[in-house]
Amino acid sequence: MPIISMFYGIIIRLYLLDNRHHSLPHVHAKNTEFEASVPIADGEILAGDLPRKQLRLVQAWIELRRDELTADWDLAVSGENPYKIAPL
């Protein structure tokens, strides 16, 4: 589960071959004891939980980096390591 970005105490990961669990392209965001799957398309929580402030930061980052995230998702679901993406 490669880390693709980190900002404001939030770790963003893309799991390899993760399209079997949730078919929507998404990232995993973790902040201390909270973790959530957040779709790349709309930024709404798919599973898990994040505090409101951290969720808003993740949503802003997704909005800015959507094209890069989509390209990384394609790599990850094919079993390849995704590239690092600039933080917020």
N, C-alpha and C. Protein backbone atom coordinates (compact mmCIF):
# COMPACT_ATOMS: atom_id res chain seq x y z
N MET A 1 0.82 -1.18 0.00
CA MET A 1 0.00 0.00 0.00
C MET A 1 0.87 1.25 0.00
N PRO A 2 1.25 1.66 -1.16
CA PRO A 2 2.17 2.80 -1.29
C PRO A 2 1.56 4.11 -0.80
N ILE A 3 2.38 4.89 -0.11
CA ILE A 3 2.00 6.25 0.28
C ILE A 3 2.26 7.13 -0.92
N ILE A 4 1.23 7.84 -1.37
CA ILE A 4 1.42 8.71 -2.54
C ILE A 4 1.55 10.18 -2.16
N SER A 5 1.09 10.55 -0.93
CA SER A 5 1.23 11.93 -0.50
C SER A 5 1.01 12.03 1.02
N MET A 6 1.53 13.09 1.61
CA MET A 6 1.32 13.39 3.03
C MET A 6 1.23 14.90 3.19
N PHE A 7 0.24 15.34 3.96
CA PHE A 7 0.11 16.77 4.25
C PHE A 7 -0.75 16.97 5.50
N TYR A 8 -0.38 17.93 6.31
CA TYR A 8 -1.12 18.29 7.53
C TYR A 8 -1.48 17.08 8.39
N GLY A 9 -0.56 16.14 8.52
CA GLY A 9 -0.79 14.97 9.35
C GLY A 9 -1.67 13.90 8.72
N ILE A 10 -1.96 14.06 7.45
CA ILE A 10 -2.81 13.10 6.72
C ILE A 10 -1.92 12.30 5.77
N ILE A 11 -2.06 10.99 5.81
CA ILE A 11 -1.32 10.10 4.91
C ILE A 11 -2.30 9.60 3.86
N ILE A 12 -1.92 9.73 2.60
CA ILE A 12 -2.76 9.29 1.48
C ILE A 12 -2.10 8.08 0.83
N ARG A 13 -2.88 7.00 0.71
CA ARG A 13 -2.38 5.77 0.09
C ARG A 13 -3.30 5.32 -1.03
N LEU A 14 -2.70 4.59 -1.95
CA LEU A 14 -3.45 3.86 -2.98
C LEU A 14 -3.04 2.40 -2.83
N TYR A 15 -3.99 1.54 -2.62
CA TYR A 15 -3.68 0.12 -2.50
C TYR A 15 -3.61 -0.50 -3.88
N LEU A 16 -2.64 -1.37 -4.08
CA LEU A 16 -2.52 -2.07 -5.35
C LEU A 16 -3.67 -3.06 -5.50
N LEU A 17 -4.21 -3.18 -6.71
CA LEU A 17 -5.29 -4.11 -7.03
C LEU A 17 -6.51 -3.91 -6.13
N ASP A 18 -6.80 -2.66 -5.74
CA ASP A 18 -7.87 -2.36 -4.79
C ASP A 18 -9.25 -2.22 -5.43
N ASN A 19 -9.37 -2.40 -6.73
CA ASN A 19 -10.66 -2.23 -7.38
C ASN A 19 -11.61 -3.38 -7.10
N ARG A 20 -11.16 -4.42 -6.40
CA ARG A 20 -12.03 -5.54 -6.07
C ARG A 20 -12.91 -5.23 -4.87
N HIS A 21 -12.39 -4.44 -3.93
CA HIS A 21 -13.15 -4.12 -2.71
C HIS A 21 -14.17 -3.00 -2.97
N HIS A 22 -13.71 -1.91 -3.50
CA HIS A 22 -14.57 -0.79 -3.92
C HIS A 22 -14.25 -0.56 -5.39
N SER A 23 -15.24 -0.68 -6.25
CA SER A 23 -14.94 -0.56 -7.68
C SER A 23 -14.70 0.89 -8.10
N LEU A 24 -15.11 1.85 -7.28
CA LEU A 24 -14.86 3.25 -7.61
C LEU A 24 -13.40 3.62 -7.38
N PRO A 25 -12.80 4.38 -8.27
CA PRO A 25 -11.44 4.86 -8.01
C PRO A 25 -11.43 5.71 -6.74
N HIS A 26 -10.54 5.39 -5.80
CA HIS A 26 -10.51 6.08 -4.52
C HIS A 26 -9.13 6.03 -3.90
N VAL A 27 -8.96 6.87 -2.88
CA VAL A 27 -7.74 6.87 -2.08
C VAL A 27 -8.11 6.51 -0.65
N HIS A 28 -7.11 6.13 0.12
CA HIS A 28 -7.27 5.87 1.54
C HIS A 28 -6.55 6.99 2.28
N ALA A 29 -7.30 7.71 3.10
CA ALA A 29 -6.75 8.82 3.87
C ALA A 29 -6.73 8.44 5.34
N LYS A 30 -5.59 8.62 5.99
CA LYS A 30 -5.46 8.27 7.41
C LYS A 30 -4.92 9.45 8.19
N ASN A 31 -5.56 9.71 9.33
CA ASN A 31 -5.13 10.78 10.23
C ASN A 31 -5.28 10.25 11.65
N THR A 32 -4.19 10.09 12.35
CA THR A 32 -4.14 9.48 13.69
C THR A 32 -4.98 8.21 13.73
N GLU A 33 -6.08 8.19 14.49
CA GLU A 33 -6.87 6.96 14.60
C GLU A 33 -8.00 6.86 13.57
N PHE A 34 -8.14 7.84 12.71
CA PHE A 34 -9.20 7.84 11.70
C PHE A 34 -8.67 7.43 10.34
N GLU A 35 -9.51 6.71 9.58
CA GLU A 35 -9.15 6.33 8.22
C GLU A 35 -10.42 6.23 7.39
N ALA A 36 -10.33 6.67 6.14
CA ALA A 36 -11.49 6.62 5.26
C ALA A 36 -11.06 6.36 3.82
N SER A 37 -11.95 5.72 3.08
CA SER A 37 -11.81 5.59 1.63
C SER A 37 -12.58 6.75 1.01
N VAL A 38 -11.90 7.50 0.15
CA VAL A 38 -12.51 8.70 -0.43
C VAL A 38 -12.43 8.61 -1.95
N PRO A 39 -13.58 8.58 -2.64
CA PRO A 39 -13.58 8.49 -4.10
C PRO A 39 -12.92 9.70 -4.77
N ILE A 40 -12.22 9.43 -5.85
CA ILE A 40 -11.55 10.49 -6.61
C ILE A 40 -12.58 11.37 -7.33
N ALA A 41 -13.69 10.80 -7.72
CA ALA A 41 -14.69 11.53 -8.50
C ALA A 41 -15.39 12.63 -7.71
N ASP A 42 -15.84 12.32 -6.49
CA ASP A 42 -16.65 13.32 -5.77
C ASP A 42 -16.13 13.69 -4.38
N GLY A 43 -15.16 12.97 -3.84
CA GLY A 43 -14.57 13.32 -2.56
C GLY A 43 -15.43 13.02 -1.34
N GLU A 44 -16.55 12.36 -1.51
CA GLU A 44 -17.40 12.00 -0.37
C GLU A 44 -16.93 10.66 0.20
N ILE A 45 -17.04 10.47 1.50
CA ILE A 45 -16.53 9.26 2.14
C ILE A 45 -17.29 8.03 1.65
N LEU A 46 -16.53 7.05 1.21
CA LEU A 46 -17.06 5.78 0.74
C LEU A 46 -17.16 4.79 1.90
N ALA A 47 -16.17 4.77 2.74
CA ALA A 47 -16.14 3.90 3.92
C ALA A 47 -15.21 4.53 4.95
N GLY A 48 -15.45 4.27 6.23
CA GLY A 48 -14.61 4.79 7.28
C GLY A 48 -15.06 6.15 7.77
N ASP A 49 -14.12 6.87 8.38
CA ASP A 49 -14.45 8.17 8.97
C ASP A 49 -13.20 9.04 9.07
N LEU A 50 -13.39 10.32 8.85
CA LEU A 50 -12.36 11.34 9.06
C LEU A 50 -13.01 12.55 9.72
N PRO A 51 -12.29 13.25 10.59
CA PRO A 51 -12.83 14.49 11.12
C PRO A 51 -13.11 15.47 9.98
N ARG A 52 -14.09 16.32 10.18
CA ARG A 52 -14.53 17.26 9.13
C ARG A 52 -13.38 18.07 8.53
N LYS A 53 -12.52 18.62 9.40
CA LYS A 53 -11.41 19.46 8.91
C LYS A 53 -10.49 18.67 7.99
N GLN A 54 -10.11 17.46 8.38
CA GLN A 54 -9.23 16.64 7.58
C GLN A 54 -9.91 16.20 6.28
N LEU A 55 -11.20 15.89 6.36
CA LEU A 55 -11.93 15.53 5.15
C LEU A 55 -11.92 16.67 4.15
N ARG A 56 -12.13 17.88 4.62
CA ARG A 56 -12.12 19.05 3.71
C ARG A 56 -10.74 19.23 3.06
N LEU A 57 -9.68 18.99 3.81
CA LEU A 57 -8.34 19.08 3.23
C LEU A 57 -8.13 18.01 2.16
N VAL A 58 -8.58 16.79 2.44
CA VAL A 58 -8.45 15.70 1.46
C VAL A 58 -9.29 16.03 0.21
N GLN A 59 -10.48 16.56 0.39
CA GLN A 59 -11.33 16.91 -0.74
C GLN A 59 -10.70 18.00 -1.60
N ALA A 60 -10.10 19.00 -0.97
CA ALA A 60 -9.43 20.07 -1.71
C ALA A 60 -8.25 19.51 -2.50
N TRP A 61 -7.48 18.63 -1.86
CA TRP A 61 -6.34 18.01 -2.53
C TRP A 61 -6.79 17.17 -3.72
N ILE A 62 -7.85 16.38 -3.54
CA ILE A 62 -8.37 15.57 -4.64
C ILE A 62 -8.79 16.47 -5.80
N GLU A 63 -9.47 17.56 -5.50
CA GLU A 63 -9.92 18.48 -6.55
C GLU A 63 -8.74 19.02 -7.36
N LEU A 64 -7.65 19.36 -6.67
CA LEU A 64 -6.47 19.91 -7.34
C LEU A 64 -5.67 18.85 -8.12
N ARG A 65 -5.73 17.61 -7.68
CA ARG A 65 -4.86 16.56 -8.22
C ARG A 65 -5.62 15.44 -8.93
N ARG A 66 -6.87 15.67 -9.31
CA ARG A 66 -7.73 14.62 -9.86
C ARG A 66 -7.10 13.89 -11.06
N ASP A 67 -6.51 14.60 -11.99
CA ASP A 67 -5.91 13.95 -13.16
C ASP A 67 -4.75 13.04 -12.77
N GLU A 68 -3.90 13.52 -11.88
CA GLU A 68 -2.78 12.69 -11.41
C GLU A 68 -3.28 11.47 -10.63
N LEU A 69 -4.32 11.67 -9.83
CA LEU A 69 -4.89 10.56 -9.06
C LEU A 69 -5.49 9.50 -9.96
N THR A 70 -6.17 9.93 -11.01
CA THR A 70 -6.76 8.99 -11.95
C THR A 70 -5.68 8.17 -12.64
N ALA A 71 -4.59 8.82 -13.03
CA ALA A 71 -3.48 8.09 -13.66
C ALA A 71 -2.86 7.11 -12.67
N ASP A 72 -2.68 7.53 -11.40
CA ASP A 72 -2.14 6.64 -10.39
C ASP A 72 -3.08 5.47 -10.11
N TRP A 73 -4.39 5.72 -10.08
CA TRP A 73 -5.37 4.64 -9.87
C TRP A 73 -5.20 3.58 -10.95
N ASP A 74 -5.08 4.00 -12.20
CA ASP A 74 -4.91 3.05 -13.30
C ASP A 74 -3.66 2.20 -13.11
N LEU A 75 -2.58 2.81 -12.66
CA LEU A 75 -1.36 2.06 -12.38
C LEU A 75 -1.58 1.06 -11.24
N ALA A 76 -2.20 1.52 -10.16
CA ALA A 76 -2.39 0.68 -8.98
C ALA A 76 -3.28 -0.53 -9.25
N VAL A 77 -4.36 -0.35 -10.00
CA VAL A 77 -5.25 -1.49 -10.25
C VAL A 77 -4.62 -2.50 -11.21
N SER A 78 -3.60 -2.08 -11.93
CA SER A 78 -2.89 -3.03 -12.79
C SER A 78 -1.71 -3.66 -12.05
N GLY A 79 -1.54 -3.33 -10.76
CA GLY A 79 -0.50 -3.93 -9.94
C GLY A 79 0.83 -3.19 -9.95
N GLU A 80 0.87 -2.02 -10.59
CA GLU A 80 2.10 -1.23 -10.64
C GLU A 80 2.10 -0.19 -9.52
N ASN A 81 3.28 0.19 -9.08
CA ASN A 81 3.39 1.22 -8.05
C ASN A 81 3.00 2.59 -8.60
N PRO A 82 2.11 3.30 -7.89
CA PRO A 82 1.75 4.65 -8.33
C PRO A 82 2.87 5.64 -8.01
N TYR A 83 2.81 6.78 -8.66
CA TYR A 83 3.77 7.86 -8.44
C TYR A 83 3.38 8.70 -7.24
N LYS A 84 4.36 9.35 -6.63
CA LYS A 84 4.09 10.32 -5.57
C LYS A 84 3.38 11.52 -6.19
N ILE A 85 2.50 12.12 -5.41
CA ILE A 85 1.77 13.30 -5.87
C ILE A 85 2.02 14.42 -4.86
N ALA A 86 2.22 15.63 -5.36
CA ALA A 86 2.53 16.78 -4.50
C ALA A 86 1.46 16.96 -3.43
N PRO A 87 1.87 17.38 -2.24
CA PRO A 87 0.91 17.61 -1.16
C PRO A 87 0.10 18.88 -1.40
N LEU A 88 -0.81 19.11 -0.50
CA LEU A 88 -1.68 20.30 -0.57
C LEU A 88 -0.88 21.53 -0.21
